[in-house]
Amino acid sequence: MILFPAIDILDGKAVRLTLGKRETATVYGNPADLAKKWADFGAEFLHVVDLNAAFDGVYVNDKIISEIVRTAGIPVQLGGGFKDMDRMELCLNDMGVRRAVIGSAAVTNPVFFREAAAVYGERIICGVDEKNGKVSIKGWLEDGGVKPSDLCATIKAVGIKTVVYTDVSKDGALSGVNVESSFKLQNESGLNVIASGGVASLTDIKRLKERGLYGVILGKALYVGTIDLKEASAVAAE
C-alpha cells in the first residue's frame, strides 16, 4: 500500500483544512520544506493540492509547485483546478508533475476529461469526493448530482485506473478513515482506490492495508503528530 503525504497549498503556504472549509485553515509552513521533510522520512509519492486553483480557479502557486517537484525528488501528484489541456500540458510536461488529479471536470467537462485520459493515460487519476451520498465538486461547495459508483463507471470506461476517494464528512477531522466505503468502491469498481479523509492513527492504516487498498493519503495526522511517517511506512509495507 502506498502512503501519500499531503501538502495543501493556499496563498503560498502549506495548510490543513477541516471538512474542506477555507476558513478553518491552519498554516504549517513552507510547502517545499515539508516536501523535503516527507521525502527524507521515506515517502514514495506526494499528494499536492492547489487550493487557490480549486476554490478560485487561479494559479498563483505554480512556482511553489515546481519547487516542490525539484526539492522532493520523488513523484508528485497534483490536484486542483484542472479544466483544460493547456493546464494539463503545463503541469505534466513543463513543471514535472507525475500525475494530475482531475476532480470537478470529470463531472462538469466530460469532453476535456476524455481527451486528457486519451492523451496522458495513467498519468491521469480522478478525485471522487463524496458528500451525502453524491459526488461533491468545485472545492466541495456544490453537489455534482452523480453517485460515486456511477462516476467510477465513467472513469473506468475512459481507461483511467486510479481514483482518490474522499469522504468529505471526515476530511481533516481526525475521526478515522471510512474504510468500508473505500473498500466497497475499490471492490465494486475494480479501480485502484487511494483512501482519503479522516486518517488519524496507525490503526486506520492497518485496517486499509488489511482490506487491500491501493493507497492512502496522510494529512492532518502527520502535521499534528498522531501518525509518524516512518512507523506508518513500516505498517504499509508489511
Foldseek 3Di string as FASTA:
>chain_A
DAEAEEFEDDPQFTWAAALLDPVRTDTDGGRLVVLLVLLVLPHQEYEYEHVCCLQPVDDPCLVSLLSNCVRNVHAYEYEHNDAAVVVVCCVVPPSPHQAYEAEQCLLVPVVRVLVCCVVPPASYEYEAEDDPQAGAGRSSPHGSPHGSLVSLQVCVVSRYAEYEYEDSNAAPVLQAWPQVVQLVSCVVSVGQYATEGNNHALVNLLSNLVSPHNHYYDYPNCSVVRYRSNVSVVSNVD
